[in-house]
C-alpha atoms as a PDB file:
ATOM      1  CA  UNK A   1       5.993  20.274   0.376  1.00  0.00           C
ATOM      2  CA  UNK A   2       8.568  17.701  -0.703  1.00  0.00           C
ATOM      3  CA  UNK A   3       6.483  16.551  -3.652  1.00  0.00           C
ATOM      4  CA  UNK A   4       5.691  20.081  -4.834  1.00  0.00           C
ATOM      5  CA  UNK A   5       8.729  20.316  -7.188  1.00  0.00           C
ATOM      6  CA  UNK A   6       7.796  16.963  -8.698  1.00  0.00           C
ATOM      7  CA  UNK A   7       4.206  18.058  -9.207  1.00  0.00           C
ATOM      8  CA  UNK A   8       5.287  21.317 -10.841  1.00  0.00           C
ATOM      9  CA  UNK A   9       7.679  19.510 -13.199  1.00  0.00           C
ATOM     10  CA  UNK A  10       5.023  16.988 -14.148  1.00  0.00           C
ATOM     11  CA  UNK A  11       2.479  19.722 -14.886  1.00  0.00           C
ATOM     12  CA  UNK A  12       5.108  21.659 -16.833  1.00  0.00           C
ATOM     13  CA  UNK A  13       6.047  18.663 -18.962  1.00  0.00           C
ATOM     14  CA  UNK A  14       2.427  17.818 -19.641  1.00  0.00           C
ATOM     15  CA  UNK A  15       1.576  21.444 -20.492  1.00  0.00           C
ATOM     16  CA  UNK A  16       4.588  21.752 -22.797  1.00  0.00           C
ATOM     17  CA  UNK A  17       3.486  18.869 -24.987  1.00  0.00           C
ATOM     18  CA  UNK A  18      -0.257  19.514 -24.847  1.00  0.00           C
ATOM     19  CA  UNK A  19      -0.614  23.294 -24.971  1.00  0.00           C
ATOM     20  CA  UNK A  20       2.681  24.751 -26.228  1.00  0.00           C
ATOM     21  CA  UNK A  21       3.706  22.169 -28.814  1.00  0.00           C
ATOM     22  CA  UNK A  22       0.056  21.175 -29.467  1.00  0.00           C
ATOM     23  CA  UNK A  23       0.899  17.490 -29.757  1.00  0.00           C
ATOM     24  CA  UNK A  24      -1.931  14.956 -29.676  1.00  0.00           C
ATOM     25  CA  UNK A  25      -1.838  12.998 -26.429  1.00  0.00           C
ATOM     26  CA  UNK A  26       0.549  15.628 -25.062  1.00  0.00           C
ATOM     27  CA  UNK A  27      -0.586  14.986 -21.504  1.00  0.00           C
ATOM     28  CA  UNK A  28       0.450  11.357 -21.790  1.00  0.00           C
ATOM     29  CA  UNK A  29       3.781  12.258 -23.414  1.00  0.00           C
ATOM     30  CA  UNK A  30       4.413  14.840 -20.687  1.00  0.00           C
ATOM     31  CA  UNK A  31       3.661  12.296 -17.983  1.00  0.00           C
ATOM     32  CA  UNK A  32       6.007   9.811 -19.657  1.00  0.00           C
ATOM     33  CA  UNK A  33       8.753  12.447 -19.864  1.00  0.00           C
ATOM     34  CA  UNK A  34       8.258  13.191 -16.174  1.00  0.00           C
ATOM     35  CA  UNK A  35       8.559   9.484 -15.309  1.00  0.00           C
ATOM     36  CA  UNK A  36      11.707   9.182 -17.427  1.00  0.00           C
ATOM     37  CA  UNK A  37      13.326  12.186 -15.714  1.00  0.00           C
ATOM     38  CA  UNK A  38      12.312  10.876 -12.284  1.00  0.00           C
ATOM     39  CA  UNK A  39      13.714   7.415 -12.988  1.00  0.00           C
ATOM     40  CA  UNK A  40      16.981   8.844 -14.320  1.00  0.00           C
ATOM     41  CA  UNK A  41      17.504  11.199 -11.378  1.00  0.00           C
ATOM     42  CA  UNK A  42      16.645   8.606  -8.735  1.00  0.00           C
ATOM     43  CA  UNK A  43      18.793   5.947 -10.383  1.00  0.00           C
ATOM     44  CA  UNK A  44      21.895   7.878 -11.392  1.00  0.00           C
ATOM     45  CA  UNK A  45      22.502  10.558  -8.771  1.00  0.00           C
ATOM     46  CA  UNK A  46      22.353   8.385  -5.625  1.00  0.00           C
ATOM     47  CA  UNK A  47      23.870   5.366  -7.413  1.00  0.00           C
ATOM     48  CA  UNK A  48      26.423   4.588  -4.692  1.00  0.00           C
ATOM     49  CA  UNK A  49      23.696   4.765  -2.058  1.00  0.00           C
ATOM     50  CA  UNK A  50      21.530   2.349  -4.033  1.00  0.00           C
ATOM     51  CA  UNK A  51      24.511   0.025  -4.553  1.00  0.00           C
ATOM     52  CA  UNK A  52      25.123   0.089  -0.798  1.00  0.00           C
ATOM     53  CA  UNK A  53      21.541  -0.929  -0.094  1.00  0.00           C
ATOM     54  CA  UNK A  54      21.846  -3.722  -2.649  1.00  0.00           C
ATOM     55  CA  UNK A  55      25.056  -4.920  -0.962  1.00  0.00           C
ATOM     56  CA  UNK A  56      23.271  -4.981   2.413  1.00  0.00           C
ATOM     57  CA  UNK A  57      20.476  -7.103   0.913  1.00  0.00           C
ATOM     58  CA  UNK A  58      23.198  -9.494  -0.264  1.00  0.00           C
ATOM     59  CA  UNK A  59      24.854  -9.494   3.196  1.00  0.00           C
ATOM     60  CA  UNK A  60      28.024  -7.982   1.703  1.00  0.00           C
ATOM     61  CA  UNK A  61      28.646  -5.440   4.445  1.00  0.00           C
ATOM     62  CA  UNK A  62      32.236  -4.582   3.477  1.00  0.00           C
ATOM     63  CA  UNK A  63      31.120  -3.619  -0.016  1.00  0.00           C
ATOM     64  CA  UNK A  64      28.150  -1.730   1.420  1.00  0.00           C
ATOM     65  CA  UNK A  65      30.468   0.338   3.630  1.00  0.00           C
ATOM     66  CA  UNK A  66      32.569   1.267   0.586  1.00  0.00           C
ATOM     67  CA  UNK A  67      29.438   2.294  -1.337  1.00  0.00           C
ATOM     68  CA  UNK A  68      28.065   4.391   1.515  1.00  0.00           C
ATOM     69  CA  UNK A  69      31.454   6.083   1.982  1.00  0.00           C
ATOM     70  CA  UNK A  70      31.412   7.003  -1.721  1.00  0.00           C
ATOM     71  CA  UNK A  71      27.836   8.241  -1.397  1.00  0.00           C
ATOM     72  CA  UNK A  72      28.693  10.321   1.673  1.00  0.00           C
ATOM     73  CA  UNK A  73      31.700  11.825  -0.087  1.00  0.00           C
ATOM     74  CA  UNK A  74      29.642  12.676  -3.186  1.00  0.00           C
ATOM     75  CA  UNK A  75      26.933  14.396  -1.179  1.00  0.00           C
ATOM     76  CA  UNK A  76      29.480  16.225   0.953  1.00  0.00           C
ATOM     77  CA  UNK A  77      31.160  17.548  -2.186  1.00  0.00           C
ATOM     78  CA  UNK A  78      27.781  18.381  -3.746  1.00  0.00           C
ATOM     79  CA  UNK A  79      25.995  19.525  -0.617  1.00  0.00           C
ATOM     80  CA  UNK A  80      23.362  21.443  -2.580  1.00  0.00           C
ATOM     81  CA  UNK A  81      22.167  18.229  -4.261  1.00  0.00           C
ATOM     82  CA  UNK A  82      21.523  16.688  -0.851  1.00  0.00           C
ATOM     83  CA  UNK A  83      20.093  19.850   0.661  1.00  0.00           C
ATOM     84  CA  UNK A  84      17.591  20.274  -2.152  1.00  0.00           C
ATOM     85  CA  UNK A  85      17.059  16.541  -2.734  1.00  0.00           C
ATOM     86  CA  UNK A  86      13.289  17.003  -3.119  1.00  0.00           C
ATOM     87  CA  UNK A  87      14.019  18.972  -6.310  1.00  0.00           C
ATOM     88  CA  UNK A  88      17.304  17.440  -7.475  1.00  0.00           C
ATOM     89  CA  UNK A  89      16.592  13.719  -7.058  1.00  0.00           C
ATOM     90  CA  UNK A  90      12.903  13.798  -6.155  1.00  0.00           C
ATOM     91  CA  UNK A  91      13.503  12.378  -2.702  1.00  0.00           C
ATOM     92  CA  UNK A  92      11.348  14.010  -0.025  1.00  0.00           C
ATOM     93  CA  UNK A  93      12.949  12.112   2.861  1.00  0.00           C
ATOM     94  CA  UNK A  94      13.584  14.065   6.054  1.00  0.00           C
ATOM     95  CA  UNK A  95      16.982  12.391   6.331  1.00  0.00           C
ATOM     96  CA  UNK A  96      19.763  13.536   4.040  1.00  0.00           C
ATOM     97  CA  UNK A  97      21.794  11.054   2.019  1.00  0.00           C
ATOM     98  CA  UNK A  98      24.836  11.864   4.166  1.00  0.00           C
ATOM     99  CA  UNK A  99      22.863  11.135   7.313  1.00  0.00           C
ATOM    100  CA  UNK A 100      21.587   7.867   5.860  1.00  0.00           C
ATOM    101  CA  UNK A 101      25.134   6.946   4.820  1.00  0.00           C
ATOM    102  CA  UNK A 102      26.442   7.383   8.372  1.00  0.00           C
ATOM    103  CA  UNK A 103      23.611   5.265   9.802  1.00  0.00           C
ATOM    104  CA  UNK A 104      24.032   2.542   7.181  1.00  0.00           C
ATOM    105  CA  UNK A 105      27.788   2.422   7.762  1.00  0.00           C
ATOM    106  CA  UNK A 106      27.179   2.034  11.491  1.00  0.00           C
ATOM    107  CA  UNK A 107      24.664  -0.716  10.806  1.00  0.00           C
ATOM    108  CA  UNK A 108      27.134  -2.560   8.568  1.00  0.00           C
ATOM    109  CA  UNK A 109      29.841  -2.430  11.235  1.00  0.00           C
ATOM    110  CA  UNK A 110      27.312  -3.801  13.717  1.00  0.00           C
ATOM    111  CA  UNK A 111      26.515  -6.689  11.387  1.00  0.00           C
ATOM    112  CA  UNK A 112      30.243  -7.357  10.971  1.00  0.00           C
ATOM    113  CA  UNK A 113      30.653  -7.431  14.747  1.00  0.00           C
ATOM    114  CA  UNK A 114      33.089  -4.520  14.777  1.00  0.00           C
ATOM    115  CA  UNK A 115      31.579  -2.847  17.821  1.00  0.00           C
ATOM    116  CA  UNK A 116      34.201  -0.108  18.154  1.00  0.00           C
ATOM    117  CA  UNK A 117      33.725   1.109  14.577  1.00  0.00           C
ATOM    118  CA  UNK A 118      29.947   0.743  14.873  1.00  0.00           C
ATOM    119  CA  UNK A 119      29.894   2.829  18.035  1.00  0.00           C
ATOM    120  CA  UNK A 120      32.144   5.452  16.433  1.00  0.00           C
ATOM    121  CA  UNK A 121      29.910   5.609  13.346  1.00  0.00           C
ATOM    122  CA  UNK A 122      26.763   5.956  15.446  1.00  0.00           C
ATOM    123  CA  UNK A 123      28.451   8.671  17.504  1.00  0.00           C
ATOM    124  CA  UNK A 124      29.497  10.494  14.325  1.00  0.00           C
ATOM    125  CA  UNK A 125      25.870  10.381  13.202  1.00  0.00           C
ATOM    126  CA  UNK A 126      24.686  11.869  16.486  1.00  0.00           C
ATOM    127  CA  UNK A 127      27.436  14.499  16.438  1.00  0.00           C
ATOM    128  CA  UNK A 128      26.467  15.633  12.934  1.00  0.00           C
ATOM    129  CA  UNK A 129      22.714  15.034  13.210  1.00  0.00           C
ATOM    130  CA  UNK A 130      21.690  15.374  16.884  1.00  0.00           C
ATOM    131  CA  UNK A 131      17.982  15.215  16.031  1.00  0.00           C
ATOM    132  CA  UNK A 132      18.256  11.993  14.023  1.00  0.00           C
ATOM    133  CA  UNK A 133      14.926  10.240  14.481  1.00  0.00           C
ATOM    134  CA  UNK A 134      16.423   6.771  14.216  1.00  0.00           C
ATOM    135  CA  UNK A 135      18.989   7.257  16.968  1.00  0.00           C
ATOM    136  CA  UNK A 136      17.444   9.712  19.395  1.00  0.00           C
ATOM    137  CA  UNK A 137      15.578   7.895  22.125  1.00  0.00           C
ATOM    138  CA  UNK A 138      12.337   9.430  23.286  1.00  0.00           C
ATOM    139  CA  UNK A 139      11.455   9.527  27.022  1.00  0.00           C
END
């Protein structure tokens, strides 16, 4: 179901160019418009999250924590964007951006060796997301 909004938008864009505006190669133009919208939404909206992941890849955990805190704050303020992320940023992940931010912050503290802050961050994740698939141990 997560890809349904993307599929509908792609069909809509393709139909607009091909059948409504009657432009030659409208299906291709519609597909290109869809790709442009997808790229823009996935690049711009979760920018702090993406910057945090980039900082982790560069082993810059302090910077990553700052980025994930900004991402968490953005998605807390704009909860609807995170809640409907399959439609707003074309991300069909089961985990919300806020949930991923908490986990990534905890991971960064672990890598920095700050066990107290790591434990607190993991506990915050479990408190807010008790069914988190990454943290809940199965029997």
